[in-house]
Amino acid sequence: MFFALIGVLVGGIIGLLLPYTYNTAYTLYITVAILACLDSVFGGIRANLEEQFNIKVFISGFFGNSILAAFLAYVGDRLGVPLYYAAIFTFGNRIFDNFASIRRILLFRKKSV
């Protein structure tokens, strides 16, 4: 948990000191990739609370899901079919499911004396 907070702080500081802008043409792809990354983060938090966290699964899911989601959005854009809706629906649904599970785990966790 400590390393996660350090990572968030370092990332926030880097983001403030080195602002990066990108072409607005890539907004759709980046948005879908960020949604996929958030899904992996919430899944990792849930797995950690359930004591089933595996760093290999997390890293492969984090990068694999984001790249696949952005690629599908790109292919759909080239074909003229809004495939990104499928990614938005799937990852959005999974984020809310993971958040509900995290909430239940934290609310009903037995307190140690």
PDB file of N, CA and C in Angstrom:
ATOM      1  N   MET A   1       0.829  -1.191   0.000  1.00  0.00           N
ATOM      2  CA  MET A   1       0.000   0.000   0.000  1.00  0.00           C
ATOM      3  C   MET A   1       0.872   1.252   0.000  1.00  0.00           C
ATOM      4  N   PHE A   2       1.971   1.197   0.744  1.00  0.00           N
ATOM      5  CA  PHE A   2       2.873   2.332   0.830  1.00  0.00           C
ATOM      6  C   PHE A   2       3.484   2.655  -0.530  1.00  0.00           C
ATOM      7  N   PHE A   3       3.898   1.598  -1.260  1.00  0.00           N
ATOM      8  CA  PHE A   3       4.510   1.813  -2.573  1.00  0.00           C
ATOM      9  C   PHE A   3       3.495   2.354  -3.573  1.00  0.00           C
ATOM     10  N   ALA A   4       2.248   1.964  -3.440  1.00  0.00           N
ATOM     11  CA  ALA A   4       1.209   2.480  -4.337  1.00  0.00           C
ATOM     12  C   ALA A   4       1.025   3.981  -4.128  1.00  0.00           C
ATOM     13  N   LEU A   5       1.015   4.416  -2.886  1.00  0.00           N
ATOM     14  CA  LEU A   5       0.878   5.846  -2.603  1.00  0.00           C
ATOM     15  C   LEU A   5       2.087   6.632  -3.107  1.00  0.00           C
ATOM     16  N   ILE A   6       3.265   6.064  -2.938  1.00  0.00           N
ATOM     17  CA  ILE A   6       4.471   6.709  -3.453  1.00  0.00           C
ATOM     18  C   ILE A   6       4.382   6.825  -4.975  1.00  0.00           C
ATOM     19  N   GLY A   7       3.935   5.775  -5.630  1.00  0.00           N
ATOM     20  CA  GLY A   7       3.791   5.791  -7.086  1.00  0.00           C
ATOM     21  C   GLY A   7       2.811   6.845  -7.561  1.00  0.00           C
ATOM     22  N   VAL A   8       1.697   6.983  -6.860  1.00  0.00           N
ATOM     23  CA  VAL A   8       0.710   7.998  -7.222  1.00  0.00           C
ATOM     24  C   VAL A   8       1.288   9.398  -7.034  1.00  0.00           C
ATOM     25  N   LEU A   9       1.982   9.616  -5.929  1.00  0.00           N
ATOM     26  CA  LEU A   9       2.589  10.925  -5.680  1.00  0.00           C
ATOM     27  C   LEU A   9       3.655  11.263  -6.720  1.00  0.00           C
ATOM     28  N   VAL A  10       4.528  10.314  -7.026  1.00  0.00           N
ATOM     29  CA  VAL A  10       5.573  10.551  -8.028  1.00  0.00           C
ATOM     30  C   VAL A  10       4.945  10.805  -9.397  1.00  0.00           C
ATOM     31  N   GLY A  11       3.955  10.033  -9.759  1.00  0.00           N
ATOM     32  CA  GLY A  11       3.268  10.244 -11.037  1.00  0.00           C
ATOM     33  C   GLY A  11       2.587  11.598 -11.113  1.00  0.00           C
ATOM     34  N   GLY A  12       1.956  12.020 -10.027  1.00  0.00           N
ATOM     35  CA  GLY A  12       1.309  13.332  -9.992  1.00  0.00           C
ATOM     36  C   GLY A  12       2.309  14.466 -10.132  1.00  0.00           C
ATOM     37  N   ILE A  13       3.446  14.344  -9.446  1.00  0.00           N
ATOM     38  CA  ILE A  13       4.477  15.379  -9.529  1.00  0.00           C
ATOM     39  C   ILE A  13       5.063  15.442 -10.940  1.00  0.00           C
ATOM     40  N   ILE A  14       5.340  14.281 -11.520  1.00  0.00           N
ATOM     41  CA  ILE A  14       5.859  14.259 -12.891  1.00  0.00           C
ATOM     42  C   ILE A  14       4.848  14.873 -13.851  1.00  0.00           C
ATOM     43  N   GLY A  15       3.577  14.563 -13.668  1.00  0.00           N
ATOM     44  CA  GLY A  15       2.534  15.124 -14.529  1.00  0.00           C
ATOM     45  C   GLY A  15       2.427  16.633 -14.422  1.00  0.00           C
ATOM     46  N   LEU A  16       2.668  17.164 -13.237  1.00  0.00           N
ATOM     47  CA  LEU A  16       2.618  18.615 -13.059  1.00  0.00           C
ATOM     48  C   LEU A  16       3.862  19.313 -13.612  1.00  0.00           C
ATOM     49  N   LEU A  17       5.014  18.683 -13.451  1.00  0.00           N
ATOM     50  CA  LEU A  17       6.262  19.296 -13.893  1.00  0.00           C
ATOM     51  C   LEU A  17       6.508  19.143 -15.391  1.00  0.00           C
ATOM     52  N   LEU A  18       6.054  18.049 -15.967  1.00  0.00           N
ATOM     53  CA  LEU A  18       6.263  17.780 -17.387  1.00  0.00           C
ATOM     54  C   LEU A  18       4.919  17.617 -18.093  1.00  0.00           C
ATOM     55  N   PRO A  19       4.179  18.697 -18.261  1.00  0.00           N
ATOM     56  CA  PRO A  19       2.869  18.554 -18.906  1.00  0.00           C
ATOM     57  C   PRO A  19       3.029  18.083 -20.352  1.00  0.00           C
ATOM     58  N   TYR A  20       2.228  17.124 -20.713  1.00  0.00           N
ATOM     59  CA  TYR A  20       2.293  16.528 -22.040  1.00  0.00           C
ATOM     60  C   TYR A  20       0.940  16.701 -22.712  1.00  0.00           C
ATOM     61  N   THR A  21       0.954  17.179 -23.921  1.00  0.00           N
ATOM     62  CA  THR A  21      -0.283  17.295 -24.682  1.00  0.00           C
ATOM     63  C   THR A  21      -0.200  16.372 -25.887  1.00  0.00           C
ATOM     64  N   TYR A  22      -1.328  15.964 -26.362  1.00  0.00           N
ATOM     65  CA  TYR A  22      -1.394  15.070 -27.512  1.00  0.00           C
ATOM     66  C   TYR A  22      -2.413  15.620 -28.496  1.00  0.00           C
ATOM     67  N   ASN A  23      -2.343  15.113 -29.690  1.00  0.00           N
ATOM     68  CA  ASN A  23      -3.251  15.521 -30.746  1.00  0.00           C
ATOM     69  C   ASN A  23      -4.678  15.103 -30.378  1.00  0.00           C
ATOM     70  N   THR A  24      -5.628  15.989 -30.574  1.00  0.00           N
ATOM     71  CA  THR A  24      -7.018  15.681 -30.204  1.00  0.00           C
ATOM     72  C   THR A  24      -7.614  14.565 -31.055  1.00  0.00           C
ATOM     73  N   ALA A  25      -6.974  14.226 -32.159  1.00  0.00           N
ATOM     74  CA  ALA A  25      -7.460  13.117 -32.978  1.00  0.00           C
ATOM     75  C   ALA A  25      -7.346  11.785 -32.241  1.00  0.00           C
ATOM     76  N   TYR A  26      -6.469  11.724 -31.236  1.00  0.00           N
ATOM     77  CA  TYR A  26      -6.263  10.489 -30.487  1.00  0.00           C
ATOM     78  C   TYR A  26      -7.095  10.416 -29.211  1.00  0.00           C
ATOM     79  N   THR A  27      -7.940  11.377 -28.984  1.00  0.00           N
ATOM     80  CA  THR A  27      -8.700  11.444 -27.737  1.00  0.00           C
ATOM     81  C   THR A  27      -9.529  10.192 -27.489  1.00  0.00           C
ATOM     82  N   LEU A  28     -10.209   9.706 -28.504  1.00  0.00           N
ATOM     83  CA  LEU A  28     -11.050   8.515 -28.350  1.00  0.00           C
ATOM     84  C   LEU A  28     -10.220   7.317 -27.920  1.00  0.00           C
ATOM     85  N   TYR A  29      -9.079   7.110 -28.556  1.00  0.00           N
ATOM     86  CA  TYR A  29      -8.243   5.949 -28.264  1.00  0.00           C
ATOM     87  C   TYR A  29      -7.647   6.045 -26.861  1.00  0.00           C
ATOM     88  N   ILE A  30      -7.204   7.221 -26.485  1.00  0.00           N
ATOM     89  CA  ILE A  30      -6.613   7.405 -25.160  1.00  0.00           C
ATOM     90  C   ILE A  30      -7.669   7.242 -24.076  1.00  0.00           C
ATOM     91  N   THR A  31      -8.859   7.755 -24.328  1.00  0.00           N
ATOM     92  CA  THR A  31      -9.938   7.629 -23.349  1.00  0.00           C
ATOM     93  C   THR A  31     -10.301   6.172 -23.098  1.00  0.00           C
ATOM     94  N   VAL A  32     -10.425   5.403 -24.161  1.00  0.00           N
ATOM     95  CA  VAL A  32     -10.768   3.984 -24.018  1.00  0.00           C
ATOM     96  C   VAL A  32      -9.628   3.240 -23.324  1.00  0.00           C
ATOM     97  N   ALA A  33      -8.382   3.578 -23.653  1.00  0.00           N
ATOM     98  CA  ALA A  33      -7.237   2.935 -23.002  1.00  0.00           C
ATOM     99  C   ALA A  33      -7.196   3.267 -21.504  1.00  0.00           C
ATOM    100  N   ILE A  34      -7.490   4.511 -21.151  1.00  0.00           N
ATOM    101  CA  ILE A  34      -7.516   4.894 -19.734  1.00  0.00           C
ATOM    102  C   ILE A  34      -8.623   4.148 -19.000  1.00  0.00           C
ATOM    103  N   LEU A  35      -9.763   3.986 -19.632  1.00  0.00           N
ATOM    104  CA  LEU A  35     -10.859   3.236 -19.015  1.00  0.00           C
ATOM    105  C   LEU A  35     -10.439   1.791 -18.766  1.00  0.00           C
ATOM    106  N   ALA A  36      -9.731   1.193 -19.722  1.00  0.00           N
ATOM    107  CA  ALA A  36      -9.240  -0.178 -19.547  1.00  0.00           C
ATOM    108  C   ALA A  36      -8.219  -0.246 -18.413  1.00  0.00           C
ATOM    109  N   CYS A  37      -7.354   0.756 -18.312  1.00  0.00           N
ATOM    110  CA  CYS A  37      -6.372   0.794 -17.220  1.00  0.00           C
ATOM    111  C   CYS A  37      -7.068   0.908 -15.866  1.00  0.00           C
ATOM    112  N   LEU A  38      -8.089   1.753 -15.784  1.00  0.00           N
ATOM    113  CA  LEU A  38      -8.837   1.888 -14.530  1.00  0.00           C
ATOM    114  C   LEU A  38      -9.500   0.573 -14.138  1.00  0.00           C
ATOM    115  N   ASP A  39      -9.985  -0.161 -15.122  1.00  0.00           N
ATOM    116  CA  ASP A  39     -10.567  -1.467 -14.848  1.00  0.00           C
ATOM    117  C   ASP A  39      -9.521  -2.382 -14.214  1.00  0.00           C
ATOM    118  N   SER A  40      -8.315  -2.364 -14.752  1.00  0.00           N
ATOM    119  CA  SER A  40      -7.251  -3.199 -14.194  1.00  0.00           C
ATOM    120  C   SER A  40      -6.877  -2.757 -12.785  1.00  0.00           C
ATOM    121  N   VAL A  41      -6.838  -1.472 -12.552  1.00  0.00           N
ATOM    122  CA  VAL A  41      -6.497  -0.960 -11.221  1.00  0.00           C
ATOM    123  C   VAL A  41      -7.542  -1.401 -10.191  1.00  0.00           C
ATOM    124  N   PHE A  42      -8.819  -1.232 -10.520  1.00  0.00           N
ATOM    125  CA  PHE A  42      -9.867  -1.656  -9.585  1.00  0.00           C
ATOM    126  C   PHE A  42      -9.861  -3.166  -9.397  1.00  0.00           C
ATOM    127  N   GLY A  43      -9.576  -3.910 -10.469  1.00  0.00           N
ATOM    128  CA  GLY A  43      -9.445  -5.362 -10.339  1.00  0.00           C
ATOM    129  C   GLY A  43      -8.276  -5.745  -9.459  1.00  0.00           C
ATOM    130  N   GLY A  44      -7.172  -4.998  -9.558  1.00  0.00           N
ATOM    131  CA  GLY A  44      -6.012  -5.266  -8.712  1.00  0.00           C
ATOM    132  C   GLY A  44      -6.291  -4.969  -7.250  1.00  0.00           C
ATOM    133  N   ILE A  45      -7.002  -3.889  -7.003  1.00  0.00           N
ATOM    134  CA  ILE A  45      -7.373  -3.555  -5.616  1.00  0.00           C
ATOM    135  C   ILE A  45      -8.267  -4.647  -5.042  1.00  0.00           C
ATOM    136  N   ARG A  46      -9.225  -5.081  -5.833  1.00  0.00           N
ATOM    137  CA  ARG A  46     -10.125  -6.146  -5.371  1.00  0.00           C
ATOM    138  C   ARG A  46      -9.346  -7.432  -5.094  1.00  0.00           C
ATOM    139  N   ALA A  47      -8.468  -7.808  -6.017  1.00  0.00           N
ATOM    140  CA  ALA A  47      -7.681  -9.028  -5.823  1.00  0.00           C
ATOM    141  C   ALA A  47      -6.793  -8.921  -4.597  1.00  0.00           C
ATOM    142  N   ASN A  48      -6.236  -7.744  -4.357  1.00  0.00           N
ATOM    143  CA  ASN A  48      -5.397  -7.545  -3.181  1.00  0.00           C
ATOM    144  C   ASN A  48      -6.212  -7.710  -1.905  1.00  0.00           C
ATOM    145  N   LEU A  49      -7.405  -7.157  -1.873  1.00  0.00           N
ATOM    146  CA  LEU A  49      -8.256  -7.295  -0.685  1.00  0.00           C
ATOM    147  C   LEU A  49      -8.704  -8.737  -0.473  1.00  0.00           C
ATOM    148  N   GLU A  50      -8.835  -9.482  -1.568  1.00  0.00           N
ATOM    149  CA  GLU A  50      -9.211 -10.899  -1.468  1.00  0.00           C
ATOM    150  C   GLU A  50      -7.986 -11.797  -1.297  1.00  0.00           C
ATOM    151  N   GLU A  51      -6.809 -11.174  -1.185  1.00  0.00           N
ATOM    152  CA  GLU A  51      -5.538 -11.874  -1.017  1.00  0.00           C
ATOM    153  C   GLU A  51      -5.263 -12.838  -2.162  1.00  0.00           C
ATOM    154  N   GLN A  52      -5.592 -12.423  -3.396  1.00  0.00           N
ATOM    155  CA  GLN A  52      -5.347 -13.224  -4.591  1.00  0.00           C
ATOM    156  C   GLN A  52      -4.564 -12.430  -5.639  1.00  0.00           C
ATOM    157  N   PHE A  53      -3.926 -11.353  -5.211  1.00  0.00           N
ATOM    158  CA  PHE A  53      -3.220 -10.483  -6.150  1.00  0.00           C
ATOM    159  C   PHE A  53      -1.993 -11.174  -6.718  1.00  0.00           C
ATOM    160  N   ASN A  54      -1.822 -11.045  -8.039  1.00  0.00           N
ATOM    161  CA  ASN A  54      -0.657 -11.577  -8.735  1.00  0.00           C
ATOM    162  C   ASN A  54      -0.148 -10.473  -9.652  1.00  0.00           C
ATOM    163  N   ILE A  55       1.087 -10.047  -9.452  1.00  0.00           N
ATOM    164  CA  ILE A  55       1.625  -8.925 -10.213  1.00  0.00           C
ATOM    165  C   ILE A  55       1.684  -9.225 -11.705  1.00  0.00           C
ATOM    166  N   LYS A  56       1.952 -10.460 -12.090  1.00  0.00           N
ATOM    167  CA  LYS A  56       2.002 -10.816 -13.516  1.00  0.00           C
ATOM    168  C   LYS A  56       0.633 -10.656 -14.170  1.00  0.00           C
ATOM    169  N   VAL A  57      -0.388 -11.081 -13.479  1.00  0.00           N
ATOM    170  CA  VAL A  57      -1.749 -10.932 -13.992  1.00  0.00           C
ATOM    171  C   VAL A  57      -2.112  -9.456 -14.094  1.00  0.00           C
ATOM    172  N   PHE A  58      -1.743  -8.683 -13.081  1.00  0.00           N
ATOM    173  CA  PHE A  58      -2.063  -7.254 -13.083  1.00  0.00           C
ATOM    174  C   PHE A  58      -1.366  -6.527 -14.234  1.00  0.00           C
ATOM    175  N   ILE A  59      -0.063  -6.714 -14.373  1.00  0.00           N
ATOM    176  CA  ILE A  59       0.694  -6.008 -15.416  1.00  0.00           C
ATOM    177  C   ILE A  59       0.210  -6.424 -16.804  1.00  0.00           C
ATOM    178  N   SER A  60       0.012  -7.721 -17.025  1.00  0.00           N
ATOM    179  CA  SER A  60      -0.446  -8.172 -18.339  1.00  0.00           C
ATOM    180  C   SER A  60      -1.846  -7.656 -18.639  1.00  0.00           C
ATOM    181  N   GLY A  61      -2.702  -7.611 -17.648  1.00  0.00           N
ATOM    182  CA  GLY A  61      -4.044  -7.074 -17.847  1.00  0.00           C
ATOM    183  C   GLY A  61      -4.035  -5.569 -18.066  1.00  0.00           C
ATOM    184  N   PHE A  62      -3.203  -4.868 -17.318  1.00  0.00           N
ATOM    185  CA  PHE A  62      -3.114  -3.411 -17.423  1.00  0.00           C
ATOM    186  C   PHE A  62      -2.717  -3.002 -18.838  1.00  0.00           C
ATOM    187  N   PHE A  63      -1.608  -3.543 -19.318  1.00  0.00           N
ATOM    188  CA  PHE A  63      -1.140  -3.156 -20.645  1.00  0.00           C
ATOM    189  C   PHE A  63      -1.919  -3.849 -21.756  1.00  0.00           C
ATOM    190  N   GLY A  64      -2.224  -5.128 -21.558  1.00  0.00           N
ATOM    191  CA  GLY A  64      -2.957  -5.873 -22.593  1.00  0.00           C
ATOM    192  C   GLY A  64      -4.345  -5.301 -22.849  1.00  0.00           C
ATOM    193  N   ASN A  65      -5.095  -5.047 -21.782  1.00  0.00           N
ATOM    194  CA  ASN A  65      -6.441  -4.493 -21.950  1.00  0.00           C
ATOM    195  C   ASN A  65      -6.420  -3.110 -22.577  1.00  0.00           C
ATOM    196  N   SER A  66      -5.481  -2.269 -22.149  1.00  0.00           N
ATOM    197  CA  SER A  66      -5.446  -0.906 -22.687  1.00  0.00           C
ATOM    198  C   SER A  66      -5.057  -0.904 -24.162  1.00  0.00           C
ATOM    199  N   ILE A  67      -4.077  -1.707 -24.530  1.00  0.00           N
ATOM    200  CA  ILE A  67      -3.663  -1.770 -25.939  1.00  0.00           C
ATOM    201  C   ILE A  67      -4.770  -2.372 -26.796  1.00  0.00           C
ATOM    202  N   LEU A  68      -5.389  -3.437 -26.318  1.00  0.00           N
ATOM    203  CA  LEU A  68      -6.476  -4.063 -27.078  1.00  0.00           C
ATOM    204  C   LEU A  68      -7.666  -3.124 -27.227  1.00  0.00           C
ATOM    205  N   ALA A  69      -8.017  -2.419 -26.180  1.00  0.00           N
ATOM    206  CA  ALA A  69      -9.153  -1.492 -26.240  1.00  0.00           C
ATOM    207  C   ALA A  69      -8.875  -0.355 -27.219  1.00  0.00           C
ATOM    208  N   ALA A  70      -7.670   0.213 -27.155  1.00  0.00           N
ATOM    209  CA  ALA A  70      -7.316   1.290 -28.084  1.00  0.00           C
ATOM    210  C   ALA A  70      -7.272   0.772 -29.514  1.00  0.00           C
ATOM    211  N   PHE A  71      -6.756  -0.434 -29.707  1.00  0.00           N
ATOM    212  CA  PHE A  71      -6.693  -1.019 -31.050  1.00  0.00           C
ATOM    213  C   PHE A  71      -8.090  -1.259 -31.613  1.00  0.00           C
ATOM    214  N   LEU A  72      -8.980  -1.801 -30.788  1.00  0.00           N
ATOM    215  CA  LEU A  72     -10.355  -2.026 -31.260  1.00  0.00           C
ATOM    216  C   LEU A  72     -11.052  -0.711 -31.584  1.00  0.00           C
ATOM    217  N   ALA A  73     -10.810   0.313 -30.805  1.00  0.00           N
ATOM    218  CA  ALA A  73     -11.379   1.629 -31.104  1.00  0.00           C
ATOM    219  C   ALA A  73     -10.830   2.152 -32.426  1.00  0.00           C
ATOM    220  N   TYR A  74      -9.532   1.936 -32.666  1.00  0.00           N
ATOM    221  CA  TYR A  74      -8.913   2.369 -33.921  1.00  0.00           C
ATOM    222  C   TYR A  74      -9.498   1.614 -35.117  1.00  0.00           C
ATOM    223  N   VAL A  75      -9.604   0.296 -34.994  1.00  0.00           N
ATOM    224  CA  VAL A  75     -10.160  -0.515 -36.084  1.00  0.00           C
ATOM    225  C   VAL A  75     -11.604  -0.113 -36.350  1.00  0.00           C
ATOM    226  N   GLY A  76     -12.368   0.067 -35.296  1.00  0.00           N
ATOM    227  CA  GLY A  76     -13.756   0.497 -35.462  1.00  0.00           C
ATOM    228  C   GLY A  76     -13.848   1.859 -36.126  1.00  0.00           C
ATOM    229  N   ASP A  77     -12.940   2.752 -35.772  1.00  0.00           N
ATOM    230  CA  ASP A  77     -12.911   4.077 -36.384  1.00  0.00           C
ATOM    231  C   ASP A  77     -12.606   3.981 -37.871  1.00  0.00           C
ATOM    232  N   ARG A  78     -11.674   3.129 -38.227  1.00  0.00           N
ATOM    233  CA  ARG A  78     -11.316   2.942 -39.650  1.00  0.00           C
ATOM    234  C   ARG A  78     -12.462   2.296 -40.430  1.00  0.00           C
ATOM    235  N   LEU A  79     -13.200   1.407 -39.787  1.00  0.00           N
ATOM    236  CA  LEU A  79     -14.322   0.725 -40.459  1.00  0.00           C
ATOM    237  C   LEU A  79     -15.601   1.547 -40.423  1.00  0.00           C
ATOM    238  N   GLY A  80     -15.618   2.591 -39.625  1.00  0.00           N
ATOM    239  CA  GLY A  80     -16.826   3.404 -39.503  1.00  0.00           C
ATOM    240  C   GLY A  80     -17.853   2.798 -38.566  1.00  0.00           C
ATOM    241  N   VAL A  81     -17.402   1.882 -37.717  1.00  0.00           N
ATOM    242  CA  VAL A  81     -18.277   1.211 -36.750  1.00  0.00           C
ATOM    243  C   VAL A  81     -17.816   1.611 -35.350  1.00  0.00           C
ATOM    244  N   PRO A  82     -18.702   2.111 -34.517  1.00  0.00           N
ATOM    245  CA  PRO A  82     -18.271   2.561 -33.178  1.00  0.00           C
ATOM    246  C   PRO A  82     -18.018   1.398 -32.217  1.00  0.00           C
ATOM    247  N   LEU A  83     -16.927   0.655 -32.450  1.00  0.00           N
ATOM    248  CA  LEU A  83     -16.581  -0.469 -31.575  1.00  0.00           C
ATOM    249  C   LEU A  83     -16.195  -0.028 -30.171  1.00  0.00           C
ATOM    250  N   TYR A  84     -15.835   1.232 -30.022  1.00  0.00           N
ATOM    251  CA  TYR A  84     -15.437   1.716 -28.700  1.00  0.00           C
ATOM    252  C   TYR A  84     -16.598   1.661 -27.712  1.00  0.00           C
ATOM    253  N   TYR A  85     -17.828   1.642 -28.208  1.00  0.00           N
ATOM    254  CA  TYR A  85     -18.969   1.497 -27.295  1.00  0.00           C
ATOM    255  C   TYR A  85     -18.909   0.182 -26.529  1.00  0.00           C
ATOM    256  N   ALA A  86     -18.459  -0.875 -27.191  1.00  0.00           N
ATOM    257  CA  ALA A  86     -18.334  -2.173 -26.518  1.00  0.00           C
ATOM    258  C   ALA A  86     -17.315  -2.093 -25.388  1.00  0.00           C
ATOM    259  N   ALA A  87     -16.199  -1.417 -25.645  1.00  0.00           N
ATOM    260  CA  ALA A  87     -15.175  -1.273 -24.602  1.00  0.00           C
ATOM    261  C   ALA A  87     -15.697  -0.416 -23.455  1.00  0.00           C
ATOM    262  N   ILE A  88     -16.373   0.667 -23.778  1.00  0.00           N
ATOM    263  CA  ILE A  88     -16.923   1.538 -22.734  1.00  0.00           C
ATOM    264  C   ILE A  88     -17.912   0.766 -21.869  1.00  0.00           C
ATOM    265  N   PHE A  89     -18.793   0.010 -22.501  1.00  0.00           N
ATOM    266  CA  PHE A  89     -19.782  -0.757 -21.750  1.00  0.00           C
ATOM    267  C   PHE A  89     -19.111  -1.828 -20.893  1.00  0.00           C
ATOM    268  N   THR A  90     -18.203  -2.598 -21.502  1.00  0.00           N
ATOM    269  CA  THR A  90     -17.574  -3.706 -20.782  1.00  0.00           C
ATOM    270  C   THR A  90     -16.718  -3.221 -19.618  1.00  0.00           C
ATOM    271  N   PHE A  91     -15.811  -2.292 -19.901  1.00  0.00           N
ATOM    272  CA  PHE A  91     -14.918  -1.828 -18.835  1.00  0.00           C
ATOM    273  C   PHE A  91     -15.673  -1.005 -17.794  1.00  0.00           C
ATOM    274  N   GLY A  92     -16.629  -0.215 -18.220  1.00  0.00           N
ATOM    275  CA  GLY A  92     -17.442   0.534 -17.264  1.00  0.00           C
ATOM    276  C   GLY A  92     -18.196  -0.387 -16.331  1.00  0.00           C
ATOM    277  N   ASN A  93     -18.784  -1.428 -16.877  1.00  0.00           N
ATOM    278  CA  ASN A  93     -19.515  -2.401 -16.066  1.00  0.00           C
ATOM    279  C   ASN A  93     -18.575  -3.109 -15.085  1.00  0.00           C
ATOM    280  N   ARG A  94     -17.390  -3.498 -15.552  1.00  0.00           N
ATOM    281  CA  ARG A  94     -16.433  -4.187 -14.687  1.00  0.00           C
ATOM    282  C   ARG A  94     -15.919  -3.272 -13.581  1.00  0.00           C
ATOM    283  N   ILE A  95     -15.726  -1.995 -13.895  1.00  0.00           N
ATOM    284  CA  ILE A  95     -15.280  -1.052 -12.862  1.00  0.00           C
ATOM    285  C   ILE A  95     -16.320  -0.961 -11.751  1.00  0.00           C
ATOM    286  N   PHE A  96     -17.585  -0.839 -12.119  1.00  0.00           N
ATOM    287  CA  PHE A  96     -18.632  -0.748 -11.102  1.00  0.00           C
ATOM    288  C   PHE A  96     -18.779  -2.054 -10.330  1.00  0.00           C
ATOM    289  N   ASP A  97     -18.622  -3.202 -11.000  1.00  0.00           N
ATOM    290  CA  ASP A  97     -18.670  -4.488 -10.297  1.00  0.00           C
ATOM    291  C   ASP A  97     -17.524  -4.615  -9.297  1.00  0.00           C
ATOM    292  N   ASN A  98     -16.321  -4.246  -9.745  1.00  0.00           N
ATOM    293  CA  ASN A  98     -15.172  -4.314  -8.835  1.00  0.00           C
ATOM    294  C   ASN A  98     -15.328  -3.347  -7.674  1.00  0.00           C
ATOM    295  N   PHE A  99     -15.830  -2.143  -7.952  1.00  0.00           N
ATOM    296  CA  PHE A  99     -16.032  -1.175  -6.880  1.00  0.00           C
ATOM    297  C   PHE A  99     -17.058  -1.689  -5.872  1.00  0.00           C
ATOM    298  N   ALA A 100     -18.123  -2.316  -6.353  1.00  0.00           N
ATOM    299  CA  ALA A 100     -19.128  -2.879  -5.438  1.00  0.00           C
ATOM    300  C   ALA A 100     -18.521  -3.984  -4.582  1.00  0.00           C
ATOM    301  N   SER A 101     -17.682  -4.814  -5.168  1.00  0.00           N
ATOM    302  CA  SER A 101     -17.027  -5.876  -4.400  1.00  0.00           C
ATOM    303  C   SER A 101     -16.054  -5.303  -3.380  1.00  0.00           C
ATOM    304  N   ILE A 102     -15.291  -4.291  -3.784  1.00  0.00           N
ATOM    305  CA  ILE A 102     -14.356  -3.638  -2.863  1.00  0.00           C
ATOM    306  C   ILE A 102     -15.112  -3.042  -1.686  1.00  0.00           C
ATOM    307  N   ARG A 103     -16.220  -2.390  -1.992  1.00  0.00           N
ATOM    308  CA  ARG A 103     -17.043  -1.780  -0.939  1.00  0.00           C
ATOM    309  C   ARG A 103     -17.547  -2.833   0.040  1.00  0.00           C
ATOM    310  N   ARG A 104     -18.038  -3.945  -0.477  1.00  0.00           N
ATOM    311  CA  ARG A 104     -18.534  -5.011   0.398  1.00  0.00           C
ATOM    312  C   ARG A 104     -17.420  -5.605   1.254  1.00  0.00           C
ATOM    313  N   ILE A 105     -16.260  -5.817   0.636  1.00  0.00           N
ATOM    314  CA  ILE A 105     -15.124  -6.373   1.392  1.00  0.00           C
ATOM    315  C   ILE A 105     -14.748  -5.442   2.536  1.00  0.00           C
ATOM    316  N   LEU A 106     -14.669  -4.160   2.255  1.00  0.00           N
ATOM    317  CA  LEU A 106     -14.275  -3.202   3.286  1.00  0.00           C
ATOM    318  C   LEU A 106     -15.351  -3.020   4.355  1.00  0.00           C
ATOM    319  N   LEU A 107     -16.618  -3.072   3.959  1.00  0.00           N
ATOM    320  CA  LEU A 107     -17.694  -2.888   4.931  1.00  0.00           C
ATOM    321  C   LEU A 107     -17.875  -4.077   5.849  1.00  0.00           C
ATOM    322  N   PHE A 108     -17.670  -5.287   5.309  1.00  0.00           N
ATOM    323  CA  PHE A 108     -17.947  -6.475   6.095  1.00  0.00           C
ATOM    324  C   PHE A 108     -16.705  -7.206   6.540  1.00  0.00           C
ATOM    325  N   ARG A 109     -15.552  -6.549   6.444  1.00  0.00           N
ATOM    326  CA  ARG A 109     -14.301  -7.135   6.916  1.00  0.00           C
ATOM    327  C   ARG A 109     -14.352  -7.274   8.425  1.00  0.00           C
ATOM    328  N   LYS A 110     -13.962  -8.432   8.901  1.00  0.00           N
ATOM    329  CA  LYS A 110     -13.933  -8.655  10.347  1.00  0.00           C
ATOM    330  C   LYS A 110     -12.758  -7.894  10.925  1.00  0.00           C
ATOM    331  N   LYS A 111     -13.059  -7.141  11.947  1.00  0.00           N
ATOM    332  CA  LYS A 111     -12.013  -6.353  12.593  1.00  0.00           C
ATOM    333  C   LYS A 111     -11.224  -7.228  13.543  1.00  0.00           C
ATOM    334  N   SER A 112      -9.899  -7.141  13.424  1.00  0.00           N
ATOM    335  CA  SER A 112      -9.049  -7.892  14.352  1.00  0.00           C
ATOM    336  C   SER A 112      -8.863  -7.075  15.630  1.00  0.00           C
ATOM    337  N   VAL A 113      -8.831  -7.788  16.741  1.00  0.00           N
ATOM    338  CA  VAL A 113      -8.737  -7.123  18.036  1.00  0.00           C
ATOM    339  C   VAL A 113      -7.315  -6.860  18.404  1.00  0.00           C
TER     340      VAL A 113
END
